[in-house]
Amino acid sequence: PRETINGTVVTCQYDGGGASTMVRFQTKSDAA
């Protein structure tokens, strides 16, 4: 993965798999 960190968000972009694949973590999230 190519990692990008922006504040409370970590984004992981993956090559391969035929389509764009991404995992995104966000900390400090609440129901609202």
ModelCIF file with pLDDT and N, C-alpha, C, O atoms, coordinates in Angstrom:
data_MODEL
#
_entry.id   MODEL 
#
_entity.id                         1 
_entity.type                       polymer 
_entity.pdbx_number_of_molecules   1 
#
_entity_poly.entity_id                      1 
_entity_poly.type                           'polypeptide(L)' 
_entity_poly.nstd_linkage                   no 
_entity_poly.nstd_monomer                   no 
_entity_poly.pdbx_seq_one_letter_code       PRETINGTVVTCQYDGGGASTMVRFQTKSDAA 
_entity_poly.pdbx_seq_one_letter_code_can   PRETINGTVVTCQYDGGGASTMVRFQTKSDAA 
_entity_poly.pdbx_strand_id                 A 
#
loop_
_entity_poly_seq.entity_id 
_entity_poly_seq.num 
_entity_poly_seq.mon_id 
_entity_poly_seq.hetero 
1 1  PRO n 
1 2  ARG n 
1 3  GLU n 
1 4  THR n 
1 5  ILE n 
1 6  ASN n 
1 7  GLY n 
1 8  THR n 
1 9  VAL n 
1 10 VAL n 
1 11 THR n 
1 12 CYS n 
1 13 GLN n 
1 14 TYR n 
1 15 ASP n 
1 16 GLY n 
1 17 GLY n 
1 18 GLY n 
1 19 ALA n 
1 20 SER n 
1 21 THR n 
1 22 MET n 
1 23 VAL n 
1 24 ARG n 
1 25 PHE n 
1 26 GLN n 
1 27 THR n 
1 28 LYS n 
1 29 SER n 
1 30 ASP n 
1 31 ALA n 
1 32 ALA n 
#
_struct_asym.id          A 
_struct_asym.entity_id   1 
#
loop_
_ma_qa_metric.id 
_ma_qa_metric.mode 
_ma_qa_metric.name 
_ma_qa_metric.software_group_id 
_ma_qa_metric.type 
1 global pLDDT . pLDDT 
2 local  pLDDT . pLDDT 
#
_ma_qa_metric_global.metric_id      1 
_ma_qa_metric_global.metric_value   93.69 
_ma_qa_metric_global.model_id       1 
_ma_qa_metric_global.ordinal_id     1 
#
loop_
_ma_qa_metric_local.label_asym_id 
_ma_qa_metric_local.label_comp_id 
_ma_qa_metric_local.label_seq_id 
_ma_qa_metric_local.metric_id 
_ma_qa_metric_local.metric_value 
_ma_qa_metric_local.model_id 
_ma_qa_metric_local.ordinal_id 
A PRO 1  2 95.00 1 1  
A ARG 2  2 96.00 1 2  
A GLU 3  2 96.00 1 3  
A THR 4  2 96.00 1 4  
A ILE 5  2 95.00 1 5  
A ASN 6  2 95.00 1 6  
A GLY 7  2 94.00 1 7  
A THR 8  2 95.00 1 8  
A VAL 9  2 96.00 1 9  
A VAL 10 2 97.00 1 10 
A THR 11 2 98.00 1 11 
A CYS 12 2 98.00 1 12 
A GLN 13 2 97.00 1 13 
A TYR 14 2 97.00 1 14 
A ASP 15 2 92.00 1 15 
A GLY 16 2 87.00 1 16 
A GLY 17 2 79.00 1 17 
A GLY 18 2 76.00 1 18 
A ALA 19 2 78.00 1 19 
A SER 20 2 88.00 1 20 
A THR 21 2 96.00 1 21 
A MET 22 2 97.00 1 22 
A VAL 23 2 98.00 1 23 
A ARG 24 2 98.00 1 24 
A PHE 25 2 98.00 1 25 
A GLN 26 2 96.00 1 26 
A THR 27 2 95.00 1 27 
A LYS 28 2 94.00 1 28 
A SER 29 2 95.00 1 29 
A ASP 30 2 95.00 1 30 
A ALA 31 2 95.00 1 31 
A ALA 32 2 96.00 1 32 
#
loop_
_atom_site.group_PDB 
_atom_site.id 
_atom_site.type_symbol 
_atom_site.label_atom_id 
_atom_site.label_alt_id 
_atom_site.label_comp_id 
_atom_site.label_asym_id 
_atom_site.label_entity_id 
_atom_site.label_seq_id 
_atom_site.pdbx_PDB_ins_code 
_atom_site.Cartn_x 
_atom_site.Cartn_y 
_atom_site.Cartn_z 
_atom_site.occupancy 
_atom_site.B_iso_or_equiv 
_atom_site.pdbx_formal_charge 
_atom_site.auth_seq_id 
_atom_site.auth_comp_id 
_atom_site.auth_asym_id 
_atom_site.auth_atom_id 
_atom_site.pdbx_PDB_model_num 
ATOM 1   N N  . PRO A 1 1  ? 0.824   -1.216 0.000   1.00 95.00 ? 1  PRO A N  1 
ATOM 2   C CA . PRO A 1 1  ? 0.000   0.000  0.000   1.00 95.00 ? 1  PRO A CA 1 
ATOM 3   C C  . PRO A 1 1  ? 0.855   1.262  0.000   1.00 95.00 ? 1  PRO A C  1 
ATOM 4   O O  . PRO A 1 1  ? 1.975   1.280  0.510   1.00 95.00 ? 1  PRO A O  1 
ATOM 5   N N  . ARG A 1 2  ? 0.295   2.308  -0.583  1.00 96.00 ? 2  ARG A N  1 
ATOM 6   C CA . ARG A 1 2  ? 0.847   3.657  -0.466  1.00 96.00 ? 2  ARG A CA 1 
ATOM 7   C C  . ARG A 1 2  ? 0.072   4.319  0.661   1.00 96.00 ? 2  ARG A C  1 
ATOM 8   O O  . ARG A 1 2  ? -1.157  4.385  0.621   1.00 96.00 ? 2  ARG A O  1 
ATOM 9   N N  . GLU A 1 3  ? 0.777   4.802  1.648   1.00 96.00 ? 3  GLU A N  1 
ATOM 10  C CA . GLU A 1 3  ? 0.147   5.353  2.845   1.00 96.00 ? 3  GLU A CA 1 
ATOM 11  C C  . GLU A 1 3  ? 0.145   6.879  2.810   1.00 96.00 ? 3  GLU A C  1 
ATOM 12  O O  . GLU A 1 3  ? 1.142   7.516  2.472   1.00 96.00 ? 3  GLU A O  1 
ATOM 13  N N  . THR A 1 4  ? -0.999  7.440  3.168   1.00 96.00 ? 4  THR A N  1 
ATOM 14  C CA . THR A 1 4  ? -1.126  8.881  3.330   1.00 96.00 ? 4  THR A CA 1 
ATOM 15  C C  . THR A 1 4  ? -1.762  9.131  4.681   1.00 96.00 ? 4  THR A C  1 
ATOM 16  O O  . THR A 1 4  ? -2.780  8.526  5.018   1.00 96.00 ? 4  THR A O  1 
ATOM 17  N N  . ILE A 1 5  ? -1.161  10.025 5.456   1.00 95.00 ? 5  ILE A N  1 
ATOM 18  C CA . ILE A 1 5  ? -1.716  10.378 6.763   1.00 95.00 ? 5  ILE A CA 1 
ATOM 19  C C  . ILE A 1 5  ? -2.084  11.851 6.724   1.00 95.00 ? 5  ILE A C  1 
ATOM 20  O O  . ILE A 1 5  ? -1.273  12.700 6.356   1.00 95.00 ? 5  ILE A O  1 
ATOM 21  N N  . ASN A 1 6  ? -3.323  12.141 7.111   1.00 95.00 ? 6  ASN A N  1 
ATOM 22  C CA . ASN A 1 6  ? -3.808  13.509 7.132   1.00 95.00 ? 6  ASN A CA 1 
ATOM 23  C C  . ASN A 1 6  ? -4.630  13.706 8.400   1.00 95.00 ? 6  ASN A C  1 
ATOM 24  O O  . ASN A 1 6  ? -5.809  13.353 8.447   1.00 95.00 ? 6  ASN A O  1 
ATOM 25  N N  . GLY A 1 7  ? -4.000  14.270 9.426   1.00 94.00 ? 7  GLY A N  1 
ATOM 26  C CA . GLY A 1 7  ? -4.702  14.479 10.685  1.00 94.00 ? 7  GLY A CA 1 
ATOM 27  C C  . GLY A 1 7  ? -5.101  13.160 11.320  1.00 94.00 ? 7  GLY A C  1 
ATOM 28  O O  . GLY A 1 7  ? -4.239  12.375 11.714  1.00 94.00 ? 7  GLY A O  1 
ATOM 29  N N  . THR A 1 8  ? -6.401  12.909 11.422  1.00 95.00 ? 8  THR A N  1 
ATOM 30  C CA . THR A 1 8  ? -6.906  11.688 12.061  1.00 95.00 ? 8  THR A CA 1 
ATOM 31  C C  . THR A 1 8  ? -7.184  10.570 11.059  1.00 95.00 ? 8  THR A C  1 
ATOM 32  O O  . THR A 1 8  ? -7.784  9.557  11.418  1.00 95.00 ? 8  THR A O  1 
ATOM 33  N N  . VAL A 1 9  ? -6.758  10.742 9.814   1.00 96.00 ? 9  VAL A N  1 
ATOM 34  C CA . VAL A 1 9  ? -7.072  9.782  8.752   1.00 96.00 ? 9  VAL A CA 1 
ATOM 35  C C  . VAL A 1 9  ? -5.793  9.160  8.191   1.00 96.00 ? 9  VAL A C  1 
ATOM 36  O O  . VAL A 1 9  ? -4.837  9.858  7.855   1.00 96.00 ? 9  VAL A O  1 
ATOM 37  N N  . VAL A 1 10 ? -5.802  7.828  8.098   1.00 97.00 ? 10 VAL A N  1 
ATOM 38  C CA . VAL A 1 10 ? -4.732  7.077  7.442   1.00 97.00 ? 10 VAL A CA 1 
ATOM 39  C C  . VAL A 1 10 ? -5.357  6.373  6.254   1.00 97.00 ? 10 VAL A C  1 
ATOM 40  O O  . VAL A 1 10 ? -6.298  5.597  6.419   1.00 97.00 ? 10 VAL A O  1 
ATOM 41  N N  . THR A 1 11 ? -4.843  6.634  5.049   1.00 98.00 ? 11 THR A N  1 
ATOM 42  C CA . THR A 1 11 ? -5.369  6.024  3.837   1.00 98.00 ? 11 THR A CA 1 
ATOM 43  C C  . THR A 1 11 ? -4.313  5.108  3.234   1.00 98.00 ? 11 THR A C  1 
ATOM 44  O O  . THR A 1 11 ? -3.150  5.491  3.105   1.00 98.00 ? 11 THR A O  1 
ATOM 45  N N  . CYS A 1 12 ? -4.719  3.908  2.868   1.00 98.00 ? 12 CYS A N  1 
ATOM 46  C CA . CYS A 1 12 ? -3.841  2.910  2.257   1.00 98.00 ? 12 CYS A CA 1 
ATOM 47  C C  . CYS A 1 12 ? -4.391  2.589  0.872   1.00 98.00 ? 12 CYS A C  1 
ATOM 48  O O  . CYS A 1 12 ? -5.483  2.033  0.749   1.00 98.00 ? 12 CYS A O  1 
ATOM 49  N N  . GLN A 1 13 ? -3.644  2.934  -0.162  1.00 97.00 ? 13 GLN A N  1 
ATOM 50  C CA . GLN A 1 13 ? -4.045  2.658  -1.550  1.00 97.00 ? 13 GLN A CA 1 
ATOM 51  C C  . GLN A 1 13 ? -3.228  1.488  -2.065  1.00 97.00 ? 13 GLN A C  1 
ATOM 52  O O  . GLN A 1 13 ? -2.004  1.484  -1.927  1.00 97.00 ? 13 GLN A O  1 
ATOM 53  N N  . TYR A 1 14 ? -3.876  0.500  -2.653  1.00 97.00 ? 14 TYR A N  1 
ATOM 54  C CA . TYR A 1 14 ? -3.220  -0.703 -3.135  1.00 97.00 ? 14 TYR A CA 1 
ATOM 55  C C  . TYR A 1 14 ? -3.287  -0.763 -4.652  1.00 97.00 ? 14 TYR A C  1 
ATOM 56  O O  . TYR A 1 14 ? -4.301  -0.403 -5.249  1.00 97.00 ? 14 TYR A O  1 
ATOM 57  N N  . ASP A 1 15 ? -2.208  -1.218 -5.275  1.00 92.00 ? 15 ASP A N  1 
ATOM 58  C CA . ASP A 1 15 ? -2.206  -1.501 -6.704  1.00 92.00 ? 15 ASP A CA 1 
ATOM 59  C C  . ASP A 1 15 ? -2.530  -2.973 -6.890  1.00 92.00 ? 15 ASP A C  1 
ATOM 60  O O  . ASP A 1 15 ? -2.332  -3.783 -5.985  1.00 92.00 ? 15 ASP A O  1 
ATOM 61  N N  . GLY A 1 16 ? -3.029  -3.308 -8.068  1.00 87.00 ? 16 GLY A N  1 
ATOM 62  C CA . GLY A 1 16 ? -3.375  -4.699 -8.360  1.00 87.00 ? 16 GLY A CA 1 
ATOM 63  C C  . GLY A 1 16 ? -4.840  -4.951 -8.081  1.00 87.00 ? 16 GLY A C  1 
ATOM 64  O O  . GLY A 1 16 ? -5.569  -4.051 -7.664  1.00 87.00 ? 16 GLY A O  1 
ATOM 65  N N  . GLY A 1 17 ? -5.259  -6.159 -8.311  1.00 79.00 ? 17 GLY A N  1 
ATOM 66  C CA . GLY A 1 17 ? -6.637  -6.531 -8.014  1.00 79.00 ? 17 GLY A CA 1 
ATOM 67  C C  . GLY A 1 17 ? -7.639  -6.123 -9.068  1.00 79.00 ? 17 GLY A C  1 
ATOM 68  O O  . GLY A 1 17 ? -8.832  -6.382 -8.910  1.00 79.00 ? 17 GLY A O  1 
ATOM 69  N N  . GLY A 1 18 ? -7.185  -5.485 -10.152 1.00 76.00 ? 18 GLY A N  1 
ATOM 70  C CA . GLY A 1 18 ? -8.084  -5.140 -11.239 1.00 76.00 ? 18 GLY A CA 1 
ATOM 71  C C  . GLY A 1 18 ? -8.890  -3.870 -11.049 1.00 76.00 ? 18 GLY A C  1 
ATOM 72  O O  . GLY A 1 18 ? -9.330  -3.283 -12.038 1.00 76.00 ? 18 GLY A O  1 
ATOM 73  N N  . ALA A 1 19 ? -9.101  -3.423 -9.829  1.00 78.00 ? 19 ALA A N  1 
ATOM 74  C CA . ALA A 1 19 ? -9.857  -2.207 -9.563  1.00 78.00 ? 19 ALA A CA 1 
ATOM 75  C C  . ALA A 1 19 ? -9.153  -1.448 -8.446  1.00 78.00 ? 19 ALA A C  1 
ATOM 76  O O  . ALA A 1 19 ? -8.284  -1.997 -7.768  1.00 78.00 ? 19 ALA A O  1 
ATOM 77  N N  . SER A 1 20 ? -9.513  -0.234 -8.263  1.00 88.00 ? 20 SER A N  1 
ATOM 78  C CA . SER A 1 20 ? -8.931  0.557  -7.180  1.00 88.00 ? 20 SER A CA 1 
ATOM 79  C C  . SER A 1 20 ? -9.333  -0.044 -5.833  1.00 88.00 ? 20 SER A C  1 
ATOM 80  O O  . SER A 1 20 ? -10.513 -0.284 -5.576  1.00 88.00 ? 20 SER A O  1 
ATOM 81  N N  . THR A 1 21 ? -8.344  -0.281 -4.985  1.00 96.00 ? 21 THR A N  1 
ATOM 82  C CA . THR A 1 21 ? -8.604  -0.838 -3.665  1.00 96.00 ? 21 THR A CA 1 
ATOM 83  C C  . THR A 1 21 ? -8.018  0.098  -2.629  1.00 96.00 ? 21 THR A C  1 
ATOM 84  O O  . THR A 1 21 ? -6.863  0.510  -2.733  1.00 96.00 ? 21 THR A O  1 
ATOM 85  N N  . MET A 1 22 ? -8.828  0.436  -1.617  1.00 97.00 ? 22 MET A N  1 
ATOM 86  C CA . MET A 1 22 ? -8.406  1.378  -0.590  1.00 97.00 ? 22 MET A CA 1 
ATOM 87  C C  . MET A 1 22 ? -8.937  0.937  0.764   1.00 97.00 ? 22 MET A C  1 
ATOM 88  O O  . MET A 1 22 ? -10.061 0.450  0.878   1.00 97.00 ? 22 MET A O  1 
ATOM 89  N N  . VAL A 1 23 ? -8.109  1.115  1.789   1.00 98.00 ? 23 VAL A N  1 
ATOM 90  C CA . VAL A 1 23 ? -8.531  0.977  3.177   1.00 98.00 ? 23 VAL A CA 1 
ATOM 91  C C  . VAL A 1 23 ? -8.245  2.315  3.833   1.00 98.00 ? 23 VAL A C  1 
ATOM 92  O O  . VAL A 1 23 ? -7.159  2.875  3.685   1.00 98.00 ? 23 VAL A O  1 
ATOM 93  N N  . ARG A 1 24 ? -9.232  2.819  4.558   1.00 98.00 ? 24 ARG A N  1 
ATOM 94  C CA . ARG A 1 24 ? -9.092  4.120  5.211   1.00 98.00 ? 24 ARG A CA 1 
ATOM 95  C C  . ARG A 1 24 ? -9.473  3.968  6.672   1.00 98.00 ? 24 ARG A C  1 
ATOM 96  O O  . ARG A 1 24 ? -10.557 3.487  7.002   1.00 98.00 ? 24 ARG A O  1 
ATOM 97  N N  . PHE A 1 25 ? -8.555  4.391  7.550   1.00 98.00 ? 25 PHE A N  1 
ATOM 98  C CA . PHE A 1 25 ? -8.821  4.405  8.982   1.00 98.00 ? 25 PHE A CA 1 
ATOM 99  C C  . PHE A 1 25 ? -9.047  5.849  9.408   1.00 98.00 ? 25 PHE A C  1 
ATOM 100 O O  . PHE A 1 25 ? -8.332  6.748  8.964   1.00 98.00 ? 25 PHE A O  1 
ATOM 101 N N  . GLN A 1 26 ? -10.027 6.073  10.257  1.00 96.00 ? 26 GLN A N  1 
ATOM 102 C CA . GLN A 1 26 ? -10.216 7.400  10.838  1.00 96.00 ? 26 GLN A CA 1 
ATOM 103 C C  . GLN A 1 26 ? -10.361 7.239  12.343  1.00 96.00 ? 26 GLN A C  1 
ATOM 104 O O  . GLN A 1 26 ? -11.207 6.487  12.826  1.00 96.00 ? 26 GLN A O  1 
ATOM 105 N N  . THR A 1 27 ? -9.521  7.958  13.068  1.00 95.00 ? 27 THR A N  1 
ATOM 106 C CA . THR A 1 27 ? -9.599  7.919  14.521  1.00 95.00 ? 27 THR A CA 1 
ATOM 107 C C  . THR A 1 27 ? -10.456 9.090  14.996  1.00 95.00 ? 27 THR A C  1 
ATOM 108 O O  . THR A 1 27 ? -10.798 9.983  14.219  1.00 95.00 ? 27 THR A O  1 
ATOM 109 N N  . LYS A 1 28 ? -10.789 9.072  16.254  1.00 94.00 ? 28 LYS A N  1 
ATOM 110 C CA . LYS A 1 28 ? -11.603 10.123 16.881  1.00 94.00 ? 28 LYS A CA 1 
ATOM 111 C C  . LYS A 1 28 ? -12.956 10.273 16.204  1.00 94.00 ? 28 LYS A C  1 
ATOM 112 O O  . LYS A 1 28 ? -13.457 11.388 16.056  1.00 94.00 ? 28 LYS A O  1 
ATOM 113 N N  . SER A 1 29 ? -13.548 9.159  15.794  1.00 95.00 ? 29 SER A N  1 
ATOM 114 C CA . SER A 1 29 ? -14.865 9.167  15.171  1.00 95.00 ? 29 SER A CA 1 
ATOM 115 C C  . SER A 1 29 ? -15.915 8.872  16.240  1.00 95.00 ? 29 SER A C  1 
ATOM 116 O O  . SER A 1 29 ? -15.686 8.063  17.139  1.00 95.00 ? 29 SER A O  1 
ATOM 117 N N  . ASP A 1 30 ? -17.046 9.521  16.136  1.00 95.00 ? 30 ASP A N  1 
ATOM 118 C CA . ASP A 1 30 ? -18.169 9.219  17.027  1.00 95.00 ? 30 ASP A CA 1 
ATOM 119 C C  . ASP A 1 30 ? -19.414 9.069  16.163  1.00 95.00 ? 30 ASP A C  1 
ATOM 120 O O  . ASP A 1 30 ? -19.350 9.226  14.944  1.00 95.00 ? 30 ASP A O  1 
ATOM 121 N N  . ALA A 1 31 ? -20.544 8.766  16.790  1.00 95.00 ? 31 ALA A N  1 
ATOM 122 C CA . ALA A 1 31 ? -21.775 8.503  16.033  1.00 95.00 ? 31 ALA A CA 1 
ATOM 123 C C  . ALA A 1 31 ? -22.185 9.697  15.178  1.00 95.00 ? 31 ALA A C  1 
ATOM 124 O O  . ALA A 1 31 ? -22.642 9.518  14.049  1.00 95.00 ? 31 ALA A O  1 
ATOM 125 N N  . ALA A 1 32 ? -22.029 10.913 15.702  1.00 96.00 ? 32 ALA A N  1 
ATOM 126 C CA . ALA A 1 32 ? -22.428 12.105 14.945  1.00 96.00 ? 32 ALA A CA 1 
ATOM 127 C C  . ALA A 1 32 ? -21.530 12.309 13.723  1.00 96.00 ? 32 ALA A C  1 
ATOM 128 O O  . ALA A 1 32 ? -21.720 13.264 12.969  1.00 96.00 ? 32 ALA A O  1 
#
